[in-house]
Amino acid sequence: MAWSNDTYLIGERIRVEGERDLGVVTRLDLERGLIYVIFKRLREEVYSYPESINNQTLVPLTSKRT
């Protein structure tokens, strides 16, 4: 699997607007434009990608992008 600029988010912690706890990005579906975030107690939510990151609904907590 080739890593690209979009896949750096997988496995990273992410802050979600309206959520108390942090989530972790589990999957990116680039064909459908979806990002999957899992929270405590294995609750998984789906958000639009990249719109949700651009409008600050999702804020990745990465130290640096490689």
PDB file of N, CA and C in Angstrom:
ATOM      1  N   MET A   1       0.839  -1.177   0.000  1.00  0.00           N
ATOM      2  CA  MET A   1       0.000   0.000   0.000  1.00  0.00           C
ATOM      3  C   MET A   1       0.879   1.233   0.000  1.00  0.00           C
ATOM      4  N   ALA A   2       0.609   2.124  -0.898  1.00  0.00           N
ATOM      5  CA  ALA A   2       1.391   3.349  -0.992  1.00  0.00           C
ATOM      6  C   ALA A   2       0.782   4.419  -0.093  1.00  0.00           C
ATOM      7  N   TRP A   3       1.607   5.014   0.737  1.00  0.00           N
ATOM      8  CA  TRP A   3       1.142   6.083   1.606  1.00  0.00           C
ATOM      9  C   TRP A   3       1.187   7.385   0.836  1.00  0.00           C
ATOM     10  N   SER A   4       0.201   8.209   1.044  1.00  0.00           N
ATOM     11  CA  SER A   4       0.154   9.502   0.365  1.00  0.00           C
ATOM     12  C   SER A   4      -0.069  10.600   1.395  1.00  0.00           C
ATOM     13  N   ASN A   5      -0.239  11.798   0.926  1.00  0.00           N
ATOM     14  CA  ASN A   5      -0.464  12.926   1.817  1.00  0.00           C
ATOM     15  C   ASN A   5      -1.775  12.798   2.582  1.00  0.00           C
ATOM     16  N   ASP A   6      -2.749  12.088   2.047  1.00  0.00           N
ATOM     17  CA  ASP A   6      -4.037  11.954   2.707  1.00  0.00           C
ATOM     18  C   ASP A   6      -4.024  10.917   3.813  1.00  0.00           C
ATOM     19  N   THR A   7      -3.209   9.892   3.709  1.00  0.00           N
ATOM     20  CA  THR A   7      -3.255   8.798   4.675  1.00  0.00           C
ATOM     21  C   THR A   7      -2.463   9.064   5.941  1.00  0.00           C
ATOM     22  N   TYR A   8      -1.856  10.223   6.083  1.00  0.00           N
ATOM     23  CA  TYR A   8      -1.115  10.506   7.308  1.00  0.00           C
ATOM     24  C   TYR A   8      -2.048  10.608   8.506  1.00  0.00           C
ATOM     25  N   LEU A   9      -3.334  10.804   8.300  1.00  0.00           N
ATOM     26  CA  LEU A   9      -4.295  10.954   9.388  1.00  0.00           C
ATOM     27  C   LEU A   9      -4.663   9.638  10.060  1.00  0.00           C
ATOM     28  N   ILE A  10      -4.495   8.516   9.390  1.00  0.00           N
ATOM     29  CA  ILE A  10      -4.917   7.226   9.936  1.00  0.00           C
ATOM     30  C   ILE A  10      -4.119   6.921  11.204  1.00  0.00           C
ATOM     31  N   GLY A  11      -4.843   6.651  12.288  1.00  0.00           N
ATOM     32  CA  GLY A  11      -4.220   6.352  13.564  1.00  0.00           C
ATOM     33  C   GLY A  11      -3.944   7.565  14.423  1.00  0.00           C
ATOM     34  N   GLU A  12      -4.212   8.743  13.921  1.00  0.00           N
ATOM     35  CA  GLU A  12      -3.956   9.967  14.677  1.00  0.00           C
ATOM     36  C   GLU A  12      -5.162  10.348  15.526  1.00  0.00           C
ATOM     37  N   ARG A  13      -4.895  10.971  16.667  1.00  0.00           N
ATOM     38  CA  ARG A  13      -5.971  11.486  17.504  1.00  0.00           C
ATOM     39  C   ARG A  13      -6.567  12.713  16.839  1.00  0.00           C
ATOM     40  N   ILE A  14      -7.860  12.924  17.080  1.00  0.00           N
ATOM     41  CA  ILE A  14      -8.554  14.028  16.424  1.00  0.00           C
ATOM     42  C   ILE A  14      -9.590  14.605  17.381  1.00  0.00           C
ATOM     43  N   ARG A  15      -9.693  15.923  17.403  1.00  0.00           N
ATOM     44  CA  ARG A  15     -10.693  16.607  18.223  1.00  0.00           C
ATOM     45  C   ARG A  15     -11.904  16.882  17.347  1.00  0.00           C
ATOM     46  N   VAL A  16     -13.097  16.512  17.845  1.00  0.00           N
ATOM     47  CA  VAL A  16     -14.331  16.663  17.088  1.00  0.00           C
ATOM     48  C   VAL A  16     -15.200  17.705  17.775  1.00  0.00           C
ATOM     49  N   GLU A  17     -15.700  18.646  16.989  1.00  0.00           N
ATOM     50  CA  GLU A  17     -16.571  19.691  17.517  1.00  0.00           C
ATOM     51  C   GLU A  17     -17.845  19.064  18.094  1.00  0.00           C
ATOM     52  N   GLY A  18     -18.182  19.442  19.320  1.00  0.00           N
ATOM     53  CA  GLY A  18     -19.376  18.924  19.968  1.00  0.00           C
ATOM     54  C   GLY A  18     -19.172  17.643  20.739  1.00  0.00           C
ATOM     55  N   GLU A  19     -17.962  17.083  20.707  1.00  0.00           N
ATOM     56  CA  GLU A  19     -17.657  15.852  21.440  1.00  0.00           C
ATOM     57  C   GLU A  19     -16.748  16.186  22.617  1.00  0.00           C
ATOM     58  N   ARG A  20     -16.974  15.504  23.717  1.00  0.00           N
ATOM     59  CA  ARG A  20     -16.188  15.750  24.919  1.00  0.00           C
ATOM     60  C   ARG A  20     -14.827  15.072  24.850  1.00  0.00           C
ATOM     61  N   ASP A  21     -14.790  13.858  24.339  1.00  0.00           N
ATOM     62  CA  ASP A  21     -13.559  13.080  24.286  1.00  0.00           C
ATOM     63  C   ASP A  21     -12.910  13.165  22.905  1.00  0.00           C
ATOM     64  N   LEU A  22     -11.623  12.835  22.873  1.00  0.00           N
ATOM     65  CA  LEU A  22     -10.911  12.764  21.606  1.00  0.00           C
ATOM     66  C   LEU A  22     -11.266  11.471  20.891  1.00  0.00           C
ATOM     67  N   GLY A  23     -11.133  11.491  19.572  1.00  0.00           N
ATOM     68  CA  GLY A  23     -11.341  10.299  18.775  1.00  0.00           C
ATOM     69  C   GLY A  23     -10.060   9.922  18.058  1.00  0.00           C
ATOM     70  N   VAL A  24     -10.106   8.780  17.377  1.00  0.00           N
ATOM     71  CA  VAL A  24      -8.964   8.302  16.595  1.00  0.00           C
ATOM     72  C   VAL A  24      -9.471   7.986  15.190  1.00  0.00           C
ATOM     73  N   VAL A  25      -8.750   8.462  14.187  1.00  0.00           N
ATOM     74  CA  VAL A  25      -9.122   8.197  12.798  1.00  0.00           C
ATOM     75  C   VAL A  25      -8.806   6.740  12.483  1.00  0.00           C
ATOM     76  N   THR A  26      -9.813   5.997  12.015  1.00  0.00           N
ATOM     77  CA  THR A  26      -9.601   4.586  11.716  1.00  0.00           C
ATOM     78  C   THR A  26      -9.471   4.331  10.225  1.00  0.00           C
ATOM     79  N   ARG A  27     -10.256   5.026   9.414  1.00  0.00           N
ATOM     80  CA  ARG A  27     -10.227   4.785   7.962  1.00  0.00           C
ATOM     81  C   ARG A  27     -10.473   6.086   7.210  1.00  0.00           C
ATOM     82  N   LEU A  28      -9.977   6.124   5.989  1.00  0.00           N
ATOM     83  CA  LEU A  28     -10.273   7.189   5.028  1.00  0.00           C
ATOM     84  C   LEU A  28     -10.793   6.535   3.764  1.00  0.00           C
ATOM     85  N   ASP A  29     -11.986   6.902   3.347  1.00  0.00           N
ATOM     86  CA  ASP A  29     -12.540   6.407   2.097  1.00  0.00           C
ATOM     87  C   ASP A  29     -12.503   7.569   1.112  1.00  0.00           C
ATOM     88  N   LEU A  30     -11.440   7.621   0.329  1.00  0.00           N
ATOM     89  CA  LEU A  30     -11.232   8.752  -0.578  1.00  0.00           C
ATOM     90  C   LEU A  30     -12.211   8.742  -1.746  1.00  0.00           C
ATOM     91  N   GLU A  31     -12.659   7.575  -2.166  1.00  0.00           N
ATOM     92  CA  GLU A  31     -13.603   7.496  -3.284  1.00  0.00           C
ATOM     93  C   GLU A  31     -14.955   8.090  -2.917  1.00  0.00           C
ATOM     94  N   ARG A  32     -15.410   7.819  -1.697  1.00  0.00           N
ATOM     95  CA  ARG A  32     -16.704   8.333  -1.242  1.00  0.00           C
ATOM     96  C   ARG A  32     -16.583   9.651  -0.505  1.00  0.00           C
ATOM     97  N   GLY A  33     -15.381  10.041  -0.139  1.00  0.00           N
ATOM     98  CA  GLY A  33     -15.172  11.285   0.590  1.00  0.00           C
ATOM     99  C   GLY A  33     -15.599  11.186   2.039  1.00  0.00           C
ATOM    100  N   LEU A  34     -15.196  10.112   2.737  1.00  0.00           N
ATOM    101  CA  LEU A  34     -15.591   9.888   4.124  1.00  0.00           C
ATOM    102  C   LEU A  34     -14.376   9.657   5.003  1.00  0.00           C
ATOM    103  N   ILE A  35     -14.481  10.106   6.247  1.00  0.00           N
ATOM    104  CA  ILE A  35     -13.461   9.851   7.257  1.00  0.00           C
ATOM    105  C   ILE A  35     -14.172   9.212   8.448  1.00  0.00           C
ATOM    106  N   TYR A  36     -13.605   8.126   8.973  1.00  0.00           N
ATOM    107  CA  TYR A  36     -14.205   7.381  10.073  1.00  0.00           C
ATOM    108  C   TYR A  36     -13.417   7.655  11.348  1.00  0.00           C
ATOM    109  N   VAL A  37     -14.139   8.035  12.409  1.00  0.00           N
ATOM    110  CA  VAL A  37     -13.527   8.356  13.696  1.00  0.00           C
ATOM    111  C   VAL A  37     -14.148   7.460  14.756  1.00  0.00           C
ATOM    112  N   ILE A  38     -13.306   6.813  15.564  1.00  0.00           N
ATOM    113  CA  ILE A  38     -13.801   5.949  16.629  1.00  0.00           C
ATOM    114  C   ILE A  38     -13.545   6.621  17.978  1.00  0.00           C
ATOM    115  N   PHE A  39     -14.532   6.490  18.873  1.00  0.00           N
ATOM    116  CA  PHE A  39     -14.465   7.082  20.207  1.00  0.00           C
ATOM    117  C   PHE A  39     -14.437   5.971  21.248  1.00  0.00           C
ATOM    118  N   LYS A  40     -14.414   6.359  22.510  1.00  0.00           N
ATOM    119  CA  LYS A  40     -14.463   5.385  23.599  1.00  0.00           C
ATOM    120  C   LYS A  40     -15.719   4.535  23.460  1.00  0.00           C
ATOM    121  N   ARG A  41     -15.664   3.370  24.002  1.00  0.00           N
ATOM    122  CA  ARG A  41     -16.755   2.388  23.952  1.00  0.00           C
ATOM    123  C   ARG A  41     -17.070   1.968  22.525  1.00  0.00           C
ATOM    124  N   LEU A  42     -16.088   2.094  21.640  1.00  0.00           N
ATOM    125  CA  LEU A  42     -16.153   1.631  20.255  1.00  0.00           C
ATOM    126  C   LEU A  42     -17.299   2.233  19.453  1.00  0.00           C
ATOM    127  N   ARG A  43     -17.617   3.481  19.714  1.00  0.00           N
ATOM    128  CA  ARG A  43     -18.617   4.193  18.916  1.00  0.00           C
ATOM    129  C   ARG A  43     -17.893   4.843  17.735  1.00  0.00           C
ATOM    130  N   GLU A  44     -18.322   4.507  16.533  1.00  0.00           N
ATOM    131  CA  GLU A  44     -17.677   5.025  15.331  1.00  0.00           C
ATOM    132  C   GLU A  44     -18.620   5.993  14.615  1.00  0.00           C
ATOM    133  N   GLU A  45     -18.088   7.150  14.240  1.00  0.00           N
ATOM    134  CA  GLU A  45     -18.855   8.170  13.531  1.00  0.00           C
ATOM    135  C   GLU A  45     -18.208   8.405  12.168  1.00  0.00           C
ATOM    136  N   VAL A  46     -19.030   8.816  11.217  1.00  0.00           N
ATOM    137  CA  VAL A  46     -18.564   9.081   9.858  1.00  0.00           C
ATOM    138  C   VAL A  46     -18.761  10.566   9.557  1.00  0.00           C
ATOM    139  N   TYR A  47     -17.735  11.184   8.971  1.00  0.00           N
ATOM    140  CA  TYR A  47     -17.782  12.596   8.602  1.00  0.00           C
ATOM    141  C   TYR A  47     -17.347  12.738   7.153  1.00  0.00           C
ATOM    142  N   SER A  48     -17.747  13.843   6.534  1.00  0.00           N
ATOM    143  CA  SER A  48     -17.330  14.097   5.150  1.00  0.00           C
ATOM    144  C   SER A  48     -15.871  14.534   5.134  1.00  0.00           C
ATOM    145  N   TYR A  49     -15.167  14.107   4.104  1.00  0.00           N
ATOM    146  CA  TYR A  49     -13.735  14.411   3.972  1.00  0.00           C
ATOM    147  C   TYR A  49     -13.493  15.037   2.618  1.00  0.00           C
ATOM    148  N   PRO A  50     -12.819  16.097   2.488  1.00  0.00           N
ATOM    149  CA  PRO A  50     -12.057  16.899   3.446  1.00  0.00           C
ATOM    150  C   PRO A  50     -12.832  18.096   4.006  1.00  0.00           C
ATOM    151  N   GLU A  51     -14.119  18.213   3.708  1.00  0.00           N
ATOM    152  CA  GLU A  51     -14.898  19.369   4.148  1.00  0.00           C
ATOM    153  C   GLU A  51     -14.887  19.538   5.660  1.00  0.00           C
ATOM    154  N   SER A  52     -15.006  18.446   6.405  1.00  0.00           N
ATOM    155  CA  SER A  52     -15.062  18.540   7.863  1.00  0.00           C
ATOM    156  C   SER A  52     -13.734  19.016   8.460  1.00  0.00           C
ATOM    157  N   ILE A  53     -12.635  18.743   7.805  1.00  0.00           N
ATOM    158  CA  ILE A  53     -11.341  19.245   8.286  1.00  0.00           C
ATOM    159  C   ILE A  53     -11.170  20.708   7.887  1.00  0.00           C
ATOM    160  N   ASN A  54     -11.606  21.057   6.688  1.00  0.00           N
ATOM    161  CA  ASN A  54     -11.471  22.437   6.224  1.00  0.00           C
ATOM    162  C   ASN A  54     -12.317  23.413   7.032  1.00  0.00           C
ATOM    163  N   ASN A  55     -13.516  23.004   7.468  1.00  0.00           N
ATOM    164  CA  ASN A  55     -14.361  23.920   8.238  1.00  0.00           C
ATOM    165  C   ASN A  55     -14.197  23.745   9.744  1.00  0.00           C
ATOM    166  N   GLN A  56     -13.135  23.088  10.180  1.00  0.00           N
ATOM    167  CA  GLN A  56     -12.731  22.943  11.574  1.00  0.00           C
ATOM    168  C   GLN A  56     -13.705  22.128  12.419  1.00  0.00           C
ATOM    169  N   THR A  57     -14.549  21.288  11.812  1.00  0.00           N
ATOM    170  CA  THR A  57     -15.362  20.351  12.584  1.00  0.00           C
ATOM    171  C   THR A  57     -14.463  19.281  13.180  1.00  0.00           C
ATOM    172  N   LEU A  58     -13.475  18.840  12.422  1.00  0.00           N
ATOM    173  CA  LEU A  58     -12.456  17.899  12.882  1.00  0.00           C
ATOM    174  C   LEU A  58     -11.111  18.615  12.914  1.00  0.00           C
ATOM    175  N   VAL A  59     -10.414  18.496  14.038  1.00  0.00           N
ATOM    176  CA  VAL A  59      -9.092  19.126  14.178  1.00  0.00           C
ATOM    177  C   VAL A  59      -8.084  18.042  14.525  1.00  0.00           C
ATOM    178  N   PRO A  60      -7.227  17.649  13.574  1.00  0.00           N
ATOM    179  CA  PRO A  60      -6.213  16.623  13.850  1.00  0.00           C
ATOM    180  C   PRO A  60      -5.184  17.127  14.854  1.00  0.00           C
ATOM    181  N   LEU A  61      -4.758  16.265  15.744  1.00  0.00           N
ATOM    182  CA  LEU A  61      -3.755  16.603  16.754  1.00  0.00           C
ATOM    183  C   LEU A  61      -2.446  15.930  16.381  1.00  0.00           C
ATOM    184  N   THR A  62      -1.889  16.305  15.234  1.00  0.00           N
ATOM    185  CA  THR A  62      -0.627  15.727  14.767  1.00  0.00           C
ATOM    186  C   THR A  62       0.510  16.659  15.108  1.00  0.00           C
ATOM    187  N   SER A  63       1.655  16.086  15.412  1.00  0.00           N
ATOM    188  CA  SER A  63       2.814  16.907  15.751  1.00  0.00           C
ATOM    189  C   SER A  63       3.473  17.456  14.495  1.00  0.00           C
ATOM    190  N   LYS A  64       3.571  16.642  13.442  1.00  0.00           N
ATOM    191  CA  LYS A  64       4.079  17.122  12.170  1.00  0.00           C
ATOM    192  C   LYS A  64       3.578  16.223  11.059  1.00  0.00           C
ATOM    193  N   ARG A  65       3.397  16.788   9.898  1.00  0.00           N
ATOM    194  CA  ARG A  65       2.908  16.047   8.744  1.00  0.00           C
ATOM    195  C   ARG A  65       4.080  15.651   7.887  1.00  0.00           C
ATOM    196  N   THR A  66       4.206  14.345   7.603  1.00  0.00           N
ATOM    197  CA  THR A  66       5.338  13.891   6.791  1.00  0.00           C
ATOM    198  C   THR A  66       4.859  13.386   5.457  1.00  0.00           C
TER     199      THR A  66
END
